[in-house]
Amino acid sequence: MREQLECIELCLGADEERVKRLCVRIKGQFHMGDIIVGVYYRPPDQEEEVDEAFYKQLQAASQSQALVLVGDFNHPDISWEDHTARQAQSWRFLQSIDDGFPMQVVEEPTRRGALLDLVLTNKEELVEDVKVGGRLGCSDHEMVEFRILRGGSRAKSRIKIFRTSGELALASSRTCLEESRGSRL
C-alpha cells in the first residue's frame, strides 16, 4: 500500500510562515481523485490578520474535490448544534467554512468540555468512524481518530490531534502524515 500513494506538501499562497498548518495532497490512483489533508493550529490569541490569511489559504484548498482539515481551531464559544458563536473571530471562522465545508464531524468535547479540535470535510462520504478519547503524553486534549475513505475503499487514518507546550506539534504531525501514507491513510 505504501508504494501506491504519493504525498506532496502544498503551498497555498501568501503568509505561509504566519499560519501554523501543514497540507499535503495524497495523489489518487487511476479513477480515484486526489485528497487534500491539512493539519492546523490556531493559538487562542491569534490576531485577526493571521486568521484572514488562513481563510485565504482555506479558500484555495477548498477548490479540491476531496478535502479533510483537522486541528485545534481554538474557538470554544462556537455552538456546532446551533451554528452560532459569541465572539466575532469565531463567527468569522463559521462564515469562512460555510461554503467549502458542509461537515464538521467531531461531536464530543476534546478539551475541558469544549469542542476545540475539529475534523472538517467538504464531502460527507469521505470521513467516517470518528472517535474521541485517550490522550497522548501529557496533552490536555483528547485524541481524535477517524477513517478517510478513498474511492469506495477504507483506508484507516490515525491522525491524532494533540498539543505540546501550547502548540500543535506540526513536526510530529508531518511525520505522522508521512508514516501514514501506508495502509492507514
Protein backbone atom coordinates (compact mmCIF):
# COMPACT_ATOMS: atom_id res chain seq x y z
CA MET A 1 0.00 0.00 0.00
CA ARG A 2 2.84 2.44 0.82
CA GLU A 3 4.08 2.27 -2.78
CA GLN A 4 0.61 3.10 -4.15
CA LEU A 5 0.37 6.53 -2.51
CA GLU A 6 2.24 9.71 -3.25
CA CYS A 7 2.13 12.62 -0.78
CA ILE A 8 3.09 16.13 -1.81
CA GLU A 9 3.31 19.07 0.62
CA LEU A 10 1.23 22.01 -0.62
CA CYS A 11 1.95 25.71 -0.59
CA LEU A 12 -1.28 27.68 -0.57
CA GLY A 13 -0.14 31.22 -1.19
CA ALA A 14 0.93 34.24 0.82
CA ASP A 15 1.67 34.27 4.54
CA GLU A 16 2.78 30.63 4.61
CA GLU A 17 5.05 31.27 7.62
CA ARG A 18 2.40 33.08 9.69
CA VAL A 19 -0.21 30.33 9.57
CA LYS A 20 0.57 27.20 11.59
CA ARG A 21 -0.58 24.49 9.23
CA LEU A 22 0.60 21.67 7.03
CA CYS A 23 -1.28 20.49 3.93
CA VAL A 24 -0.47 17.52 1.76
CA ARG A 25 -2.02 16.19 -1.43
CA ILE A 26 -2.43 12.45 -1.50
CA LYS A 27 -2.36 11.54 -5.15
CA GLY A 28 -5.19 9.36 -6.35
CA GLN A 29 -4.71 6.28 -8.46
CA PHE A 30 -6.41 5.73 -11.82
CA HIS A 31 -10.06 6.80 -11.38
CA MET A 32 -9.62 7.98 -7.78
CA GLY A 33 -9.10 11.71 -7.31
CA ASP A 34 -6.57 13.39 -5.07
CA ILE A 35 -7.31 14.06 -1.40
CA ILE A 36 -6.02 17.15 0.38
CA VAL A 37 -5.32 16.58 4.09
CA GLY A 38 -4.46 19.56 6.27
CA VAL A 39 -3.42 19.92 9.90
CA TYR A 40 -3.90 23.33 11.53
CA TYR A 41 -3.23 25.01 14.87
CA ARG A 42 -4.77 28.36 15.82
CA PRO A 43 -3.45 29.90 19.05
CA PRO A 44 -6.24 31.26 21.29
CA ASP A 45 -4.87 34.80 21.00
CA GLN A 46 -4.22 34.77 17.25
CA GLU A 47 -4.50 38.13 15.51
CA GLU A 48 -7.37 38.69 13.07
CA GLU A 49 -4.97 39.35 10.17
CA VAL A 50 -3.45 35.87 10.61
CA ASP A 51 -6.97 34.40 10.71
CA GLU A 52 -7.70 36.18 7.42
CA ALA A 53 -4.50 34.79 5.86
CA PHE A 54 -5.62 31.31 6.90
CA TYR A 55 -9.09 31.86 5.40
CA LYS A 56 -7.48 32.78 2.06
CA GLN A 57 -5.41 29.59 2.17
CA LEU A 58 -8.51 27.65 3.15
CA GLN A 59 -10.39 29.05 0.18
CA ALA A 60 -7.59 27.90 -2.14
CA ALA A 61 -7.56 24.41 -0.61
CA SER A 62 -11.36 24.11 -0.69
CA GLN A 63 -11.25 24.06 -4.51
CA SER A 64 -10.16 20.43 -4.11
CA GLN A 65 -12.80 17.81 -4.75
CA ALA A 66 -11.81 15.94 -1.59
CA LEU A 67 -10.56 17.85 1.44
CA VAL A 68 -10.10 16.94 5.11
CA LEU A 69 -8.86 19.57 7.54
CA VAL A 70 -8.06 18.66 11.16
CA GLY A 71 -6.68 20.62 14.06
CA ASP A 72 -7.05 22.72 17.16
CA PHE A 73 -9.03 25.74 15.98
CA ASN A 74 -9.45 27.25 19.48
CA HIS A 75 -12.98 28.57 19.13
CA PRO A 76 -14.58 27.34 22.39
CA ASP A 77 -17.58 29.68 22.05
CA ILE A 78 -18.91 28.05 18.87
CA SER A 79 -22.10 26.02 19.28
CA TRP A 80 -21.94 23.45 16.50
CA GLU A 81 -25.53 22.34 17.10
CA ASP A 82 -26.88 25.88 16.54
CA HIS A 83 -24.09 27.06 14.22
CA THR A 84 -23.61 30.19 16.35
CA ALA A 85 -20.71 31.94 18.08
CA ARG A 86 -20.42 34.59 20.78
CA GLN A 87 -17.13 36.17 19.63
CA ALA A 88 -16.52 37.99 16.33
CA GLN A 89 -13.45 35.90 15.39
CA SER A 90 -15.40 32.68 15.93
CA TRP A 91 -18.32 33.99 13.89
CA ARG A 92 -15.90 34.89 11.07
CA PHE A 93 -14.48 31.34 11.22
CA LEU A 94 -18.00 29.91 10.84
CA GLN A 95 -18.59 32.16 7.83
CA SER A 96 -15.31 31.12 6.22
CA ILE A 97 -16.10 27.42 6.37
CA ASP A 98 -19.76 27.67 5.32
CA ASP A 99 -19.07 27.47 1.60
CA GLY A 100 -16.29 24.89 1.43
CA PHE A 101 -17.07 22.57 4.34
CA PRO A 102 -20.57 21.20 4.74
CA MET A 103 -19.45 18.90 7.55
CA GLN A 104 -17.69 19.26 10.90
CA VAL A 105 -17.71 15.67 12.14
CA VAL A 106 -16.39 15.76 15.72
CA GLU A 107 -19.32 15.75 18.15
CA GLU A 108 -17.68 15.29 21.55
CA PRO A 109 -15.66 17.82 23.56
CA THR A 110 -11.91 17.50 23.11
CA ARG A 111 -10.65 19.72 25.95
CA ARG A 112 -12.28 20.57 29.29
CA GLY A 113 -15.82 20.35 27.93
CA ALA A 114 -15.09 22.42 24.81
CA LEU A 115 -15.01 21.22 21.22
CA LEU A 116 -11.72 22.78 20.06
CA ASP A 117 -10.30 20.03 17.86
CA LEU A 118 -12.23 19.66 14.62
CA VAL A 119 -12.37 17.45 11.55
CA LEU A 120 -13.80 19.39 8.60
CA THR A 121 -14.55 17.85 5.23
CA ASN A 122 -16.12 19.01 2.01
CA LYS A 123 -17.50 15.54 1.20
CA GLU A 124 -19.86 13.83 3.60
CA GLU A 125 -18.86 10.35 2.41
CA LEU A 126 -15.11 10.99 2.83
CA VAL A 127 -14.82 10.70 6.65
CA GLU A 128 -16.33 8.14 8.99
CA ASP A 129 -15.80 6.37 12.34
CA VAL A 130 -14.82 9.50 14.28
CA LYS A 131 -13.66 8.61 17.79
CA VAL A 132 -12.63 10.96 20.59
CA GLY A 133 -10.72 9.64 23.57
CA GLY A 134 -7.41 8.97 25.17
CA ARG A 135 -4.50 11.33 25.43
CA LEU A 136 -1.02 11.40 24.03
CA GLY A 137 1.72 12.11 26.55
CA CYS A 138 0.88 14.99 28.87
CA SER A 139 -1.58 16.67 26.49
CA ASP A 140 -4.77 18.11 27.97
CA HIS A 141 -6.66 17.41 24.70
CA GLU A 142 -8.45 14.21 23.81
CA MET A 143 -7.18 12.49 20.65
CA VAL A 144 -9.37 12.39 17.55
CA GLU A 145 -9.23 9.33 15.31
CA PHE A 146 -11.18 8.79 12.08
CA ARG A 147 -11.26 6.96 8.76
CA ILE A 148 -10.76 8.55 5.37
CA LEU A 149 -12.49 6.66 2.57
CA ARG A 150 -10.70 6.64 -0.77
CA GLY A 151 -12.56 5.63 -3.92
CA GLY A 152 -15.02 3.43 -2.05
CA SER A 153 -12.34 1.61 -0.07
CA ARG A 154 -11.48 2.16 3.55
CA ALA A 155 -8.06 3.40 4.49
CA LYS A 156 -7.65 3.92 8.20
CA SER A 157 -6.21 7.25 9.26
CA ARG A 158 -4.63 7.54 12.67
CA ILE A 159 -4.06 11.27 12.58
CA LYS A 160 -4.18 12.37 16.17
CA ILE A 161 -4.64 15.92 17.29
CA PHE A 162 -2.66 16.94 20.35
CA ARG A 163 -0.90 19.90 21.91
CA THR A 164 2.62 20.25 23.20
CA SER A 165 3.76 23.38 25.03
CA GLY A 166 0.74 25.33 23.82
CA GLU A 167 1.09 24.49 20.11
CA LEU A 168 0.13 21.66 17.85
CA ALA A 169 3.25 19.65 17.15
CA LEU A 170 3.30 20.17 13.40
CA ALA A 171 6.65 18.43 13.01
CA SER A 172 5.17 15.35 14.67
CA SER A 173 2.06 15.70 12.53
CA ARG A 174 4.23 15.85 9.39
CA THR A 175 5.98 12.68 10.48
CA CYS A 176 2.61 11.10 11.24
CA LEU A 177 1.33 12.04 7.79
CA GLU A 178 4.46 10.72 6.11
CA GLU A 179 4.26 7.46 8.01
CA SER A 180 0.51 7.27 7.36
CA ARG A 181 1.00 7.11 3.61
CA GLY A 182 0.96 3.36 4.03
CA SER A 183 -2.16 1.40 4.83
CA ARG A 184 -3.51 3.91 7.30
CA LEU A 185 -4.23 6.87 5.01
